[in-house]
N, C-alpha and C. Protein backbone atom coordinates (compact mmCIF):
# COMPACT_ATOMS: atom_id res chain seq x y z
N MET A 1 32.65 -99.34 60.83
CA MET A 1 32.94 -98.10 61.16
C MET A 1 33.10 -98.37 63.28
N THR A 2 34.17 -97.79 63.74
CA THR A 2 34.36 -98.05 64.79
C THR A 2 33.93 -97.16 65.57
N VAL A 3 33.37 -97.10 66.66
CA VAL A 3 33.23 -95.71 67.75
C VAL A 3 33.70 -96.23 69.09
N LEU A 4 34.20 -95.20 69.50
CA LEU A 4 35.18 -95.34 71.01
C LEU A 4 34.56 -93.86 71.94
N HIS A 5 34.16 -94.44 72.64
CA HIS A 5 33.82 -93.34 73.97
C HIS A 5 32.94 -92.12 73.19
N GLY A 6 32.59 -92.71 72.45
CA GLY A 6 31.02 -91.79 71.49
C GLY A 6 32.10 -90.59 69.94
N HIS A 7 33.11 -91.35 70.21
CA HIS A 7 33.68 -91.07 68.76
C HIS A 7 33.78 -91.61 67.98
N ARG A 8 33.43 -91.04 66.05
CA ARG A 8 34.34 -92.34 65.21
C ARG A 8 35.42 -92.12 65.04
N VAL A 9 35.74 -93.51 65.15
CA VAL A 9 37.47 -93.85 64.23
C VAL A 9 37.81 -94.14 63.29
N VAL A 10 38.13 -93.92 62.54
CA VAL A 10 38.47 -93.73 61.05
C VAL A 10 39.38 -94.40 60.63
N SER A 11 38.83 -95.85 60.04
CA SER A 11 39.91 -97.32 60.20
C SER A 11 40.86 -96.90 58.78
N GLY A 12 41.89 -97.64 58.89
CA GLY A 12 43.20 -97.65 57.67
C GLY A 12 42.16 -97.73 56.08
N PRO A 13 41.51 -98.40 56.04
CA PRO A 13 40.96 -98.73 54.65
C PRO A 13 40.35 -97.76 54.48
N GLU A 14 39.40 -96.85 55.53
CA GLU A 14 38.64 -95.45 54.85
C GLU A 14 39.38 -94.46 54.99
N LEU A 15 40.43 -94.61 55.35
CA LEU A 15 41.62 -93.10 55.11
C LEU A 15 42.31 -93.24 53.80
N ARG A 16 42.68 -94.53 53.39
CA ARG A 16 43.75 -94.91 52.09
C ARG A 16 42.36 -94.12 51.45
N ALA A 17 41.13 -95.01 51.42
CA ALA A 17 40.08 -94.86 50.12
C ALA A 17 39.50 -92.97 50.35
N THR A 18 39.80 -92.65 51.47
CA THR A 18 39.95 -90.85 50.89
C THR A 18 40.66 -90.45 50.14
N PHE A 19 42.18 -90.75 50.09
CA PHE A 19 43.49 -90.36 49.94
C PHE A 19 43.28 -90.66 48.37
N VAL A 20 42.93 -91.72 48.19
CA VAL A 20 42.59 -92.09 46.56
C VAL A 20 41.79 -91.16 45.82
N ASP A 21 41.12 -90.71 46.06
CA ASP A 21 39.81 -90.00 46.32
C ASP A 21 40.55 -88.78 45.38
N ASP A 22 41.36 -88.25 46.46
CA ASP A 22 42.04 -86.84 46.08
C ASP A 22 42.96 -86.90 44.77
N ASP A 23 44.38 -88.21 45.44
CA ASP A 23 44.65 -88.15 44.07
C ASP A 23 44.02 -88.60 42.82
N ASP A 24 42.72 -89.44 42.87
CA ASP A 24 42.36 -89.43 41.72
C ASP A 24 42.00 -87.86 40.77
N THR A 25 41.25 -87.14 42.00
CA THR A 25 40.81 -85.77 41.71
C THR A 25 42.08 -84.64 41.04
N ALA A 26 43.14 -84.91 41.67
CA ALA A 26 44.37 -84.32 41.23
C ALA A 26 45.13 -84.97 40.16
N ASP A 27 45.08 -86.12 39.49
CA ASP A 27 45.23 -86.81 38.18
C ASP A 27 44.32 -86.45 37.42
N ASN A 28 42.77 -85.82 37.50
CA ASN A 28 41.98 -86.04 36.62
C ASN A 28 42.03 -85.08 35.95
N PRO A 29 42.06 -84.53 34.47
CA PRO A 29 42.80 -83.34 33.88
C PRO A 29 41.45 -82.50 33.88
N VAL A 30 40.09 -83.31 33.70
CA VAL A 30 38.87 -81.93 33.06
C VAL A 30 38.78 -81.55 34.68
N ARG A 31 38.82 -82.29 35.66
CA ARG A 31 38.35 -81.77 36.95
C ARG A 31 39.43 -80.29 37.26
N LEU A 32 40.55 -80.68 36.62
CA LEU A 32 41.53 -80.03 37.24
C LEU A 32 41.32 -78.48 36.16
N ARG A 33 40.88 -78.59 35.25
CA ARG A 33 40.90 -77.60 34.50
C ARG A 33 39.68 -76.42 35.04
N ARG A 34 38.41 -77.00 34.93
CA ARG A 34 37.30 -76.89 35.65
C ARG A 34 37.58 -75.68 36.67
N ARG A 35 39.00 -76.46 37.94
CA ARG A 35 38.91 -75.76 38.83
C ARG A 35 39.68 -74.30 38.39
N ILE A 36 40.55 -74.40 37.45
CA ILE A 36 41.64 -73.63 37.37
C ILE A 36 40.28 -72.46 36.60
N LEU A 37 39.46 -72.79 35.81
CA LEU A 37 38.84 -71.68 35.20
C LEU A 37 37.35 -71.67 36.10
N HIS A 38 37.14 -72.23 37.11
CA HIS A 38 36.39 -71.68 38.10
C HIS A 38 37.17 -70.32 38.49
N GLY A 39 38.49 -70.88 39.00
CA GLY A 39 39.73 -69.54 39.59
C GLY A 39 39.85 -68.32 38.95
N VAL A 40 39.87 -68.99 37.75
CA VAL A 40 39.98 -67.50 36.91
C VAL A 40 38.97 -66.50 36.91
N VAL A 41 37.93 -67.13 36.69
CA VAL A 41 36.52 -66.63 36.46
C VAL A 41 36.16 -65.47 38.16
N LEU A 42 36.50 -66.47 38.88
CA LEU A 42 36.28 -65.83 40.25
C LEU A 42 37.22 -64.62 40.67
N VAL A 43 38.91 -64.61 40.16
CA VAL A 43 39.44 -63.30 40.01
C VAL A 43 39.16 -62.24 39.28
N LEU A 44 38.25 -62.81 38.06
CA LEU A 44 38.01 -61.64 37.52
C LEU A 44 36.66 -61.04 38.10
N LEU A 45 35.87 -61.49 37.94
CA LEU A 45 34.73 -60.67 38.51
C LEU A 45 34.98 -59.94 39.95
N VAL A 46 35.86 -60.24 40.47
CA VAL A 46 36.39 -59.51 41.76
C VAL A 46 37.27 -58.49 41.77
N GLY A 47 38.32 -58.43 40.38
CA GLY A 47 39.11 -57.63 40.07
C GLY A 47 38.04 -56.59 38.89
N LEU A 48 36.60 -57.10 38.37
CA LEU A 48 35.95 -55.98 38.09
C LEU A 48 34.95 -54.79 39.16
N ILE A 49 34.64 -55.77 39.61
CA ILE A 49 33.53 -55.57 40.72
C ILE A 49 35.01 -53.68 41.79
N ILE A 50 36.11 -54.24 41.77
CA ILE A 50 36.28 -53.52 42.40
C ILE A 50 37.35 -52.50 41.80
N SER A 51 37.20 -52.33 40.52
CA SER A 51 37.61 -51.57 39.18
C SER A 51 36.17 -50.17 39.35
N ALA A 52 34.94 -51.02 39.46
CA ALA A 52 33.56 -50.78 39.43
C ALA A 52 33.37 -49.37 40.77
N ILE A 53 33.99 -50.02 41.65
CA ILE A 53 34.36 -49.20 43.07
C ILE A 53 35.12 -47.97 42.74
N ILE A 54 36.22 -48.57 42.53
CA ILE A 54 37.09 -47.33 42.09
C ILE A 54 36.77 -45.98 41.60
N VAL A 55 36.20 -46.37 40.01
CA VAL A 55 35.81 -45.44 38.76
C VAL A 55 34.95 -44.59 39.47
N ALA A 56 34.13 -45.33 40.23
CA ALA A 56 32.89 -45.11 40.90
C ALA A 56 33.26 -43.42 42.10
N LEU A 57 34.45 -44.30 42.74
CA LEU A 57 34.66 -43.09 43.99
C LEU A 57 35.52 -42.28 43.56
N ALA A 58 36.21 -42.46 41.89
CA ALA A 58 37.17 -41.32 41.33
C ALA A 58 36.10 -40.53 40.90
N ILE A 59 35.04 -40.59 40.34
CA ILE A 59 33.94 -39.41 39.70
C ILE A 59 33.23 -38.82 40.69
N MET A 60 32.63 -39.85 41.93
CA MET A 60 31.96 -38.47 42.69
C MET A 60 33.24 -37.69 43.88
N ASN A 61 34.60 -37.88 43.61
CA ASN A 61 35.67 -37.17 43.64
C ASN A 61 36.19 -35.94 43.08
N GLY A 62 35.18 -36.16 41.68
CA GLY A 62 35.68 -35.33 40.78
C GLY A 62 36.80 -35.62 39.98
N GLN A 63 37.90 -36.71 40.34
CA GLN A 63 38.67 -37.07 39.53
C GLN A 63 39.02 -36.96 38.27
N ILE A 64 37.53 -37.97 38.04
CA ILE A 64 37.23 -38.30 36.61
C ILE A 64 36.11 -37.40 36.31
N LYS A 65 36.09 -36.85 34.99
CA LYS A 65 35.21 -35.85 34.52
C LYS A 65 34.35 -36.42 33.03
N ILE A 66 33.24 -36.85 33.28
CA ILE A 66 32.55 -37.55 32.10
C ILE A 66 31.98 -36.47 31.04
N PRO A 67 32.51 -36.04 30.15
CA PRO A 67 31.93 -35.41 28.91
C PRO A 67 30.68 -35.38 29.09
N THR A 68 30.01 -34.34 28.82
CA THR A 68 28.32 -34.80 28.37
C THR A 68 27.85 -33.62 27.43
N ALA A 69 26.92 -33.77 26.32
CA ALA A 69 26.45 -33.21 25.55
C ALA A 69 25.96 -31.50 25.82
N GLU A 70 26.93 -30.63 25.87
CA GLU A 70 26.56 -29.20 26.26
C GLU A 70 26.27 -28.75 24.97
N ARG A 71 25.48 -27.69 25.06
CA ARG A 71 24.61 -26.64 23.70
C ARG A 71 26.05 -25.41 23.36
N SER A 72 26.76 -25.94 22.29
CA SER A 72 27.07 -24.60 21.97
C SER A 72 26.69 -24.52 20.43
N GLN A 73 26.71 -22.94 20.83
CA GLN A 73 25.96 -22.21 20.17
C GLN A 73 26.87 -21.42 18.48
N SER A 74 28.28 -21.42 18.86
CA SER A 74 29.31 -21.24 17.51
C SER A 74 29.36 -22.72 16.76
N ALA A 75 28.73 -23.81 17.22
CA ALA A 75 29.49 -25.09 16.58
C ALA A 75 27.83 -25.41 15.85
N VAL A 76 26.78 -24.68 16.46
CA VAL A 76 25.30 -25.16 15.91
C VAL A 76 24.49 -24.12 15.13
N SER A 77 25.21 -23.03 14.98
CA SER A 77 24.68 -21.80 14.13
C SER A 77 25.02 -21.86 12.93
N ALA A 78 23.50 -20.94 12.12
CA ALA A 78 23.16 -21.23 10.98
C ALA A 78 23.39 -19.54 10.57
N CYS A 79 23.56 -18.78 11.78
CA CYS A 79 23.52 -17.28 11.39
C CYS A 79 24.95 -17.29 10.75
N PRO A 80 25.02 -15.72 9.56
CA PRO A 80 26.14 -15.59 8.68
C PRO A 80 26.73 -14.87 10.09
N THR A 81 27.99 -14.94 9.89
CA THR A 81 29.12 -14.24 11.16
C THR A 81 29.76 -12.78 10.41
N ALA A 82 29.91 -12.37 9.09
CA ALA A 82 30.25 -11.35 8.61
C ALA A 82 29.40 -10.25 9.16
N THR A 83 30.12 -9.10 8.88
CA THR A 83 30.17 -7.90 9.29
C THR A 83 29.48 -6.81 8.49
N PHE A 84 27.90 -6.08 8.05
CA PHE A 84 27.79 -5.86 6.87
C PHE A 84 27.45 -3.83 7.36
N ASP A 85 27.68 -3.77 5.96
CA ASP A 85 27.66 -1.95 6.00
C ASP A 85 26.17 -1.93 5.88
N TYR A 86 25.84 -0.91 6.00
CA TYR A 86 23.97 -0.55 5.55
C TYR A 86 23.92 0.23 3.99
N THR A 87 23.03 -0.87 3.62
CA THR A 87 22.95 -0.80 2.20
C THR A 87 21.95 0.09 2.21
N PRO A 88 21.87 1.39 1.23
CA PRO A 88 21.14 2.77 1.10
C PRO A 88 19.80 1.95 0.74
N ASN A 89 18.67 2.57 1.13
CA ASN A 89 17.15 1.49 1.27
C ASN A 89 17.29 1.57 0.03
N ASP A 90 17.13 2.53 -0.85
CA ASP A 90 16.87 2.35 -2.58
C ASP A 90 17.51 1.27 -3.12
N LYS A 91 18.50 0.59 -2.66
CA LYS A 91 19.29 -0.57 -2.95
C LYS A 91 19.10 -1.90 -3.30
N VAL A 92 17.68 -2.03 -1.61
CA VAL A 92 17.28 -2.91 -1.59
C VAL A 92 15.81 -2.81 -1.91
N SER A 93 15.90 -4.50 -2.96
CA SER A 93 14.41 -5.25 -3.37
C SER A 93 13.61 -6.16 -2.68
N LEU A 94 12.20 -5.53 -2.24
CA LEU A 94 11.43 -6.52 -1.39
C LEU A 94 10.55 -7.31 -2.00
N ASN A 95 9.94 -8.76 -1.18
CA ASN A 95 9.01 -8.86 -1.06
C ASN A 95 8.54 -8.87 0.29
N VAL A 96 7.04 -8.31 0.20
CA VAL A 96 6.61 -8.42 1.33
C VAL A 96 5.40 -9.52 1.56
N TYR A 97 5.24 -10.51 2.44
CA TYR A 97 4.42 -11.48 2.48
C TYR A 97 3.87 -11.44 4.30
N ASN A 98 2.42 -11.45 4.18
CA ASN A 98 1.77 -11.45 4.98
C ASN A 98 1.39 -12.94 5.78
N ALA A 99 1.73 -13.75 6.74
CA ALA A 99 1.64 -15.23 7.62
C ALA A 99 0.84 -15.16 8.58
N THR A 100 -0.10 -13.89 8.75
CA THR A 100 -0.91 -13.70 9.77
C THR A 100 -2.42 -14.06 9.44
N ASN A 101 -3.13 -14.00 10.65
CA ASN A 101 -4.69 -13.44 10.46
C ASN A 101 -4.98 -12.27 10.04
N ARG A 102 -4.03 -11.08 9.68
CA ARG A 102 -4.38 -9.84 10.00
C ARG A 102 -4.40 -9.50 8.25
N PRO A 103 -5.81 -9.22 8.21
CA PRO A 103 -6.09 -8.42 6.54
C PRO A 103 -5.35 -7.31 6.36
N GLY A 104 -5.09 -7.63 5.35
CA GLY A 104 -3.90 -6.05 4.70
C GLY A 104 -2.83 -5.77 5.52
N LEU A 105 -2.88 -6.39 6.46
CA LEU A 105 -1.09 -6.29 6.86
C LEU A 105 0.26 -6.38 6.17
N ALA A 106 0.22 -7.00 4.77
CA ALA A 106 1.20 -6.85 4.25
C ALA A 106 1.16 -5.69 3.49
N ARG A 107 0.43 -5.55 2.96
CA ARG A 107 0.21 -3.94 2.10
C ARG A 107 0.68 -3.14 3.41
N SER A 108 -0.14 -3.13 4.33
CA SER A 108 0.38 -1.70 4.99
C SER A 108 2.09 -1.45 5.24
N VAL A 109 2.62 -2.68 6.08
CA VAL A 109 3.78 -3.00 5.77
C VAL A 109 4.59 -2.52 4.32
N ALA A 110 4.37 -3.26 3.60
CA ALA A 110 4.96 -2.54 2.20
C ALA A 110 4.88 -1.21 2.27
N ASP A 111 3.37 -0.73 1.83
CA ASP A 111 3.48 1.06 1.56
C ASP A 111 4.75 1.43 2.93
N ALA A 112 4.75 0.89 3.95
CA ALA A 112 5.31 1.87 5.12
C ALA A 112 7.49 1.72 4.37
N PHE A 113 7.40 0.40 3.85
CA PHE A 113 9.16 0.46 3.13
C PHE A 113 8.58 1.40 1.95
N LEU A 114 7.77 1.50 1.28
CA LEU A 114 7.68 2.56 -0.06
C LEU A 114 8.07 3.37 0.49
N ALA A 115 7.83 3.99 1.34
CA ALA A 115 7.79 5.17 1.99
C ALA A 115 9.09 5.93 2.53
N ARG A 116 10.20 4.74 2.96
CA ARG A 116 11.63 4.73 3.20
C ARG A 116 12.47 4.24 1.32
N LYS A 117 11.60 4.52 0.61
CA LYS A 117 12.57 4.24 -0.16
C LYS A 117 12.92 2.63 -1.17
N PHE A 118 12.30 2.23 -0.06
CA PHE A 118 12.85 0.42 -0.69
C PHE A 118 12.24 0.32 -1.89
N ALA A 119 12.59 -0.62 -2.48
CA ALA A 119 11.90 -0.66 -3.93
C ALA A 119 11.23 -2.44 -3.68
N VAL A 120 9.70 -2.35 -3.32
CA VAL A 120 8.65 -3.53 -3.08
C VAL A 120 8.30 -3.72 -4.37
N ALA A 121 8.50 -5.22 -4.77
CA ALA A 121 8.19 -6.14 -5.46
C ALA A 121 6.79 -6.55 -5.53
N VAL A 122 6.56 -7.52 -4.37
CA VAL A 122 5.33 -8.79 -4.17
C VAL A 122 5.15 -8.35 -3.40
N VAL A 123 3.77 -8.03 -3.10
CA VAL A 123 3.25 -8.01 -1.84
C VAL A 123 1.54 -9.11 -1.48
N ASP A 124 1.90 -10.18 -0.97
CA ASP A 124 0.75 -11.46 -1.38
C ASP A 124 0.67 -11.67 0.14
N ASN A 125 -0.07 -12.78 0.63
CA ASN A 125 -0.26 -13.86 1.92
C ASN A 125 0.24 -15.03 1.44
N THR A 126 0.76 -15.60 2.58
CA THR A 126 1.26 -16.88 2.44
C THR A 126 1.22 -17.57 3.81
N GLN A 127 1.66 -18.77 4.09
CA GLN A 127 1.33 -19.87 5.23
C GLN A 127 2.77 -19.83 5.93
N SER A 128 2.94 -19.81 7.07
CA SER A 128 4.24 -20.54 7.46
C SER A 128 4.17 -21.15 9.16
N GLY A 129 5.09 -22.03 9.48
CA GLY A 129 4.75 -22.81 10.54
C GLY A 129 5.70 -21.52 11.56
N TYR A 130 6.58 -20.74 11.37
CA TYR A 130 7.55 -19.79 11.46
C TYR A 130 6.70 -19.06 12.48
N ARG A 131 7.19 -19.23 14.14
CA ARG A 131 6.64 -18.38 15.30
C ARG A 131 7.74 -17.15 15.63
N GLY A 132 7.23 -16.25 15.98
CA GLY A 132 8.45 -14.61 15.65
C GLY A 132 8.18 -14.01 15.58
N VAL A 133 8.11 -12.26 14.90
CA VAL A 133 7.86 -11.54 14.68
C VAL A 133 8.26 -11.52 13.12
N ALA A 134 9.15 -11.47 12.68
CA ALA A 134 8.90 -12.24 11.07
C ALA A 134 10.59 -12.66 10.43
N ALA A 135 10.22 -13.38 9.36
CA ALA A 135 11.67 -14.07 8.98
C ALA A 135 11.70 -12.92 7.62
N VAL A 136 13.27 -12.72 7.89
CA VAL A 136 13.74 -12.49 6.70
C VAL A 136 15.02 -13.43 6.10
N VAL A 137 14.54 -13.73 4.81
CA VAL A 137 14.85 -14.41 3.64
C VAL A 137 15.64 -13.42 2.75
N SER A 138 16.79 -14.27 2.25
CA SER A 138 17.75 -13.74 1.03
C SER A 138 18.48 -15.43 0.52
N GLY A 139 19.34 -14.87 0.05
CA GLY A 139 19.99 -15.31 -1.04
C GLY A 139 21.58 -14.95 -0.25
N ALA A 140 22.88 -15.82 -0.38
CA ALA A 140 23.81 -15.13 -0.04
C ALA A 140 24.43 -14.03 -0.57
N ALA A 141 23.77 -13.16 -1.67
CA ALA A 141 24.20 -12.35 -2.32
C ALA A 141 23.42 -11.47 -1.93
N GLY A 142 22.40 -11.66 -1.27
CA GLY A 142 21.50 -10.63 -0.66
C GLY A 142 21.35 -10.08 1.26
N GLN A 143 22.59 -11.21 1.11
CA GLN A 143 22.62 -10.60 2.68
C GLN A 143 23.04 -9.05 3.47
N SER A 144 23.43 -8.43 2.52
CA SER A 144 24.01 -7.36 3.20
C SER A 144 22.14 -6.28 3.05
N ALA A 145 21.58 -6.53 2.17
CA ALA A 145 20.63 -5.86 2.04
C ALA A 145 19.34 -6.71 2.89
N ALA A 146 19.37 -7.72 3.51
CA ALA A 146 18.71 -8.30 4.64
C ALA A 146 18.83 -7.80 5.86
N PHE A 147 20.15 -7.48 6.13
CA PHE A 147 20.88 -6.78 7.28
C PHE A 147 20.09 -5.57 7.81
N THR A 148 19.59 -4.40 6.36
CA THR A 148 19.26 -2.89 6.06
C THR A 148 17.67 -3.43 6.73
N VAL A 149 17.23 -4.19 5.94
CA VAL A 149 15.54 -4.78 6.19
C VAL A 149 15.83 -5.03 7.74
N GLN A 150 16.34 -5.89 8.65
CA GLN A 150 16.44 -6.40 9.78
C GLN A 150 16.58 -5.01 10.81
N ARG A 151 17.35 -3.84 10.40
CA ARG A 151 17.35 -2.65 11.01
C ARG A 151 15.86 -1.74 11.11
N ASN A 152 15.39 -2.41 10.42
CA ASN A 152 14.08 -1.81 9.93
C ASN A 152 13.23 -2.42 10.76
N LEU A 153 13.38 -3.61 10.64
CA LEU A 153 12.17 -4.33 11.46
C LEU A 153 13.14 -5.27 12.35
N PRO A 154 12.87 -5.03 13.69
CA PRO A 154 13.52 -4.99 14.78
C PRO A 154 12.92 -6.65 15.59
N ALA A 155 13.68 -7.29 15.91
CA ALA A 155 13.60 -9.07 16.46
C ALA A 155 13.41 -9.74 15.22
N SER A 156 13.49 -9.59 14.00
CA SER A 156 13.31 -10.06 13.09
C SER A 156 14.45 -11.28 12.84
N ASP A 157 14.10 -12.67 11.98
CA ASP A 157 14.68 -13.49 12.09
C ASP A 157 15.25 -13.59 10.77
N TYR A 158 16.74 -14.12 10.48
CA TYR A 158 17.56 -14.09 9.15
C TYR A 158 17.60 -15.84 8.91
N PHE A 159 17.25 -16.05 7.80
CA PHE A 159 17.49 -17.01 7.13
C PHE A 159 18.03 -17.14 5.62
N GLN A 160 18.95 -17.83 5.40
CA GLN A 160 19.24 -17.90 4.00
C GLN A 160 18.79 -19.11 3.15
N ASP A 161 18.50 -18.94 1.89
CA ASP A 161 18.05 -19.53 1.22
C ASP A 161 19.13 -19.67 -0.27
N GLY A 162 18.52 -20.14 -1.18
CA GLY A 162 19.70 -20.66 -2.27
C GLY A 162 19.56 -19.76 -3.43
N ARG A 163 18.59 -18.73 -3.42
CA ARG A 163 18.50 -18.14 -4.45
C ARG A 163 19.73 -16.61 -4.85
N SER A 164 19.89 -16.65 -6.18
CA SER A 164 21.35 -16.54 -6.62
C SER A 164 21.01 -14.81 -6.05
N ASP A 165 20.09 -14.07 -6.29
CA ASP A 165 19.67 -12.46 -7.01
C ASP A 165 19.79 -11.97 -5.34
N GLY A 166 19.59 -10.64 -5.60
CA GLY A 166 20.09 -10.03 -4.34
C GLY A 166 18.44 -9.53 -3.44
N SER A 167 17.73 -10.09 -3.95
CA SER A 167 16.41 -9.48 -3.75
C SER A 167 15.94 -10.04 -2.11
N VAL A 168 15.22 -9.76 -1.33
CA VAL A 168 14.94 -10.01 0.57
C VAL A 168 13.38 -10.31 0.26
N ASP A 169 13.15 -11.67 0.82
CA ASP A 169 11.71 -11.63 1.18
C ASP A 169 11.43 -11.18 2.75
N VAL A 170 10.46 -10.54 3.27
CA VAL A 170 9.74 -10.24 4.34
C VAL A 170 8.58 -10.71 4.62
N ILE A 171 8.55 -12.31 5.49
CA ILE A 171 7.25 -12.81 5.83
C ILE A 171 6.69 -12.21 6.72
N LEU A 172 5.77 -11.49 7.62
CA LEU A 172 5.28 -10.91 8.88
C LEU A 172 4.54 -12.42 10.05
N THR A 173 4.80 -12.27 10.69
CA THR A 173 4.54 -13.76 11.23
C THR A 173 3.90 -12.85 12.98
N GLY A 174 3.64 -13.66 13.21
CA GLY A 174 2.09 -13.08 14.75
C GLY A 174 2.51 -12.37 16.03
N ASP A 175 4.40 -12.50 15.77
CA ASP A 175 4.53 -11.33 17.01
C ASP A 175 4.73 -9.80 16.32
N PHE A 176 4.61 -9.67 14.78
CA PHE A 176 4.55 -8.52 14.61
C PHE A 176 3.71 -7.38 15.27
N LYS A 177 4.64 -6.10 15.28
CA LYS A 177 3.72 -4.86 15.92
C LYS A 177 4.02 -3.65 14.67
N GLU A 178 5.25 -3.71 14.49
CA GLU A 178 5.48 -2.14 14.15
C GLU A 178 6.91 -2.31 13.72
N LEU A 179 7.32 -1.20 12.41
CA LEU A 179 9.33 -1.32 12.09
C LEU A 179 9.42 -0.35 12.86
N THR A 180 10.79 -0.19 13.06
CA THR A 180 11.54 0.97 13.67
C THR A 180 11.09 2.05 13.29
N ALA A 181 10.94 3.04 14.20
CA ALA A 181 10.87 4.77 13.42
C ALA A 181 11.99 4.86 12.45
N PRO A 182 11.87 5.61 11.31
CA PRO A 182 12.82 5.62 10.24
C PRO A 182 13.94 6.72 11.32
N GLU A 183 13.91 7.94 12.21
CA GLU A 183 14.65 8.36 12.98
C GLU A 183 15.75 7.58 13.72
N LEU A 184 15.17 6.17 13.90
CA LEU A 184 15.46 5.81 15.10
C LEU A 184 16.06 4.70 14.55
N VAL A 185 16.34 4.42 13.19
CA VAL A 185 16.69 3.08 12.59
C VAL A 185 18.93 3.37 12.86
N ASP A 186 19.29 2.13 13.67
CA ASP A 186 20.42 2.13 13.29
C ASP A 186 21.56 1.65 12.26
N GLN A 187 22.15 2.71 11.88
CA GLN A 187 23.14 2.51 10.36
C GLN A 187 23.99 2.07 10.37
N THR A 188 24.85 1.70 11.43
CA THR A 188 26.12 1.40 11.40
C THR A 188 26.68 0.10 11.05
N PRO A 189 27.84 -0.24 10.75
CA PRO A 189 27.69 -1.48 10.61
C PRO A 189 27.39 -2.92 11.58
N GLY A 190 27.22 -3.98 11.07
CA GLY A 190 26.82 -4.84 12.10
C GLY A 190 26.65 -6.32 11.27
N GLN A 191 25.65 -7.20 12.33
CA GLN A 191 25.63 -8.93 11.91
C GLN A 191 24.17 -9.08 11.57
N LEU A 192 23.75 -9.85 10.86
CA LEU A 192 23.04 -10.47 11.09
C LEU A 192 21.91 -10.86 12.29
N SER A 193 20.65 -11.02 12.65
CA SER A 193 20.44 -11.22 13.35
C SER A 193 19.38 -12.48 13.44
N CYS A 194 19.92 -13.58 14.03
CA CYS A 194 18.78 -15.03 14.08
C CYS A 194 18.39 -15.31 15.39
N PRO A 195 17.70 -14.45 16.52
CA PRO A 195 16.93 -14.76 17.64
C PRO A 195 16.62 -16.35 17.96
N ARG A 196 15.89 -16.47 16.89
CA ARG A 196 15.56 -18.32 17.00
C ARG A 196 16.96 -19.14 17.58
N GLU A 197 17.91 -19.20 17.57
CA GLU A 197 19.27 -19.96 18.12
C GLU A 197 19.28 -19.67 19.60
N SER A 198 18.88 -18.51 19.78
CA SER A 198 19.11 -18.01 21.57
C SER A 198 17.33 -18.61 21.99
N ARG A 199 16.44 -19.14 21.86
CA ARG A 199 15.35 -19.24 21.99
C ARG A 199 15.38 -20.64 23.45
N ARG A 200 15.09 -20.73 24.67
CA ARG A 200 15.15 -21.11 25.61
C ARG A 200 13.99 -22.49 24.80
N ILE A 201 13.11 -22.37 24.54
CA ILE A 201 12.48 -23.20 23.97
C ILE A 201 12.36 -22.85 22.37
N VAL A 202 12.69 -24.11 21.68
CA VAL A 202 13.02 -24.06 19.79
C VAL A 202 11.63 -24.53 19.45
N ASP A 203 11.41 -23.74 18.71
CA ASP A 203 9.96 -23.84 18.14
C ASP A 203 10.45 -25.32 17.31
N SER A 204 9.32 -26.19 17.00
CA SER A 204 9.07 -27.24 15.87
C SER A 204 9.38 -27.01 14.76
N ALA A 205 9.10 -25.74 14.22
CA ALA A 205 9.31 -25.19 13.13
C ALA A 205 10.35 -23.98 12.81
N LYS A 206 11.91 -24.64 12.59
CA LYS A 206 12.69 -23.13 12.74
C LYS A 206 12.40 -22.23 11.30
N TRP A 207 12.02 -23.38 10.14
CA TRP A 207 12.15 -22.63 8.83
C TRP A 207 10.45 -22.29 8.68
N PRO A 208 10.43 -21.13 8.04
CA PRO A 208 9.19 -20.54 7.69
C PRO A 208 9.04 -21.38 5.91
N VAL A 209 7.94 -21.34 5.48
CA VAL A 209 7.40 -21.61 4.57
C VAL A 209 7.77 -20.55 3.29
N ILE A 210 8.87 -20.79 2.42
CA ILE A 210 9.52 -19.77 1.88
C ILE A 210 8.47 -19.57 0.49
N PRO A 211 7.92 -18.43 0.41
CA PRO A 211 7.45 -18.02 -0.99
C PRO A 211 7.78 -19.06 -2.25
N LYS A 212 7.29 -19.19 -3.20
CA LYS A 212 7.91 -19.30 -4.71
C LYS A 212 7.47 -18.27 -5.36
N ALA A 213 8.54 -18.05 -6.22
CA ALA A 213 8.91 -17.12 -7.47
C ALA A 213 7.42 -17.42 -8.35
N GLY A 214 6.54 -16.20 -8.47
CA GLY A 214 5.97 -16.78 -10.03
C GLY A 214 4.96 -16.68 -9.18
């Protein structure tokens, strides 16, 4: 090594050795592939970062909208949408069940229905996880009759089961107070009511315990 005025002077052999090392690197295919691979990876990473920034800015500016899971009543509704005429009371066959801790409730409500000329078959107690005024249950054949029952039993909730006859079960639950006054019953055509579908807080037990025949 030669030093002149405090500076290192590169000699000819050292300079040649340096260029030989560079030539060796350029001629080495393994090192060349590594450099190319590193370059490609670096370019991809930079591209991903730039793309993420562009997408984030577009979302913030509202240019890109991310779909969210919006509640759709029509998509999840289990309530029949048909319009029913009011079936005459004497054409409706009822079973009345008490799912509350109020003794004699099923009997008193059944008597009120009988006074309105409904045909009451079964009067009994049952258990139910449903919370509300009352559950009105029928098969497809009994939907028109269930509509008539609901017009007499305000805020009741309709449920459909698999029965084939036209009978209707009325399951009285904790919020029940009274039937609609006979002179105030609306007998115009309308639809069945399923208020559970519009509650802000959904009950964990949407379905009542359906009493078994017999």
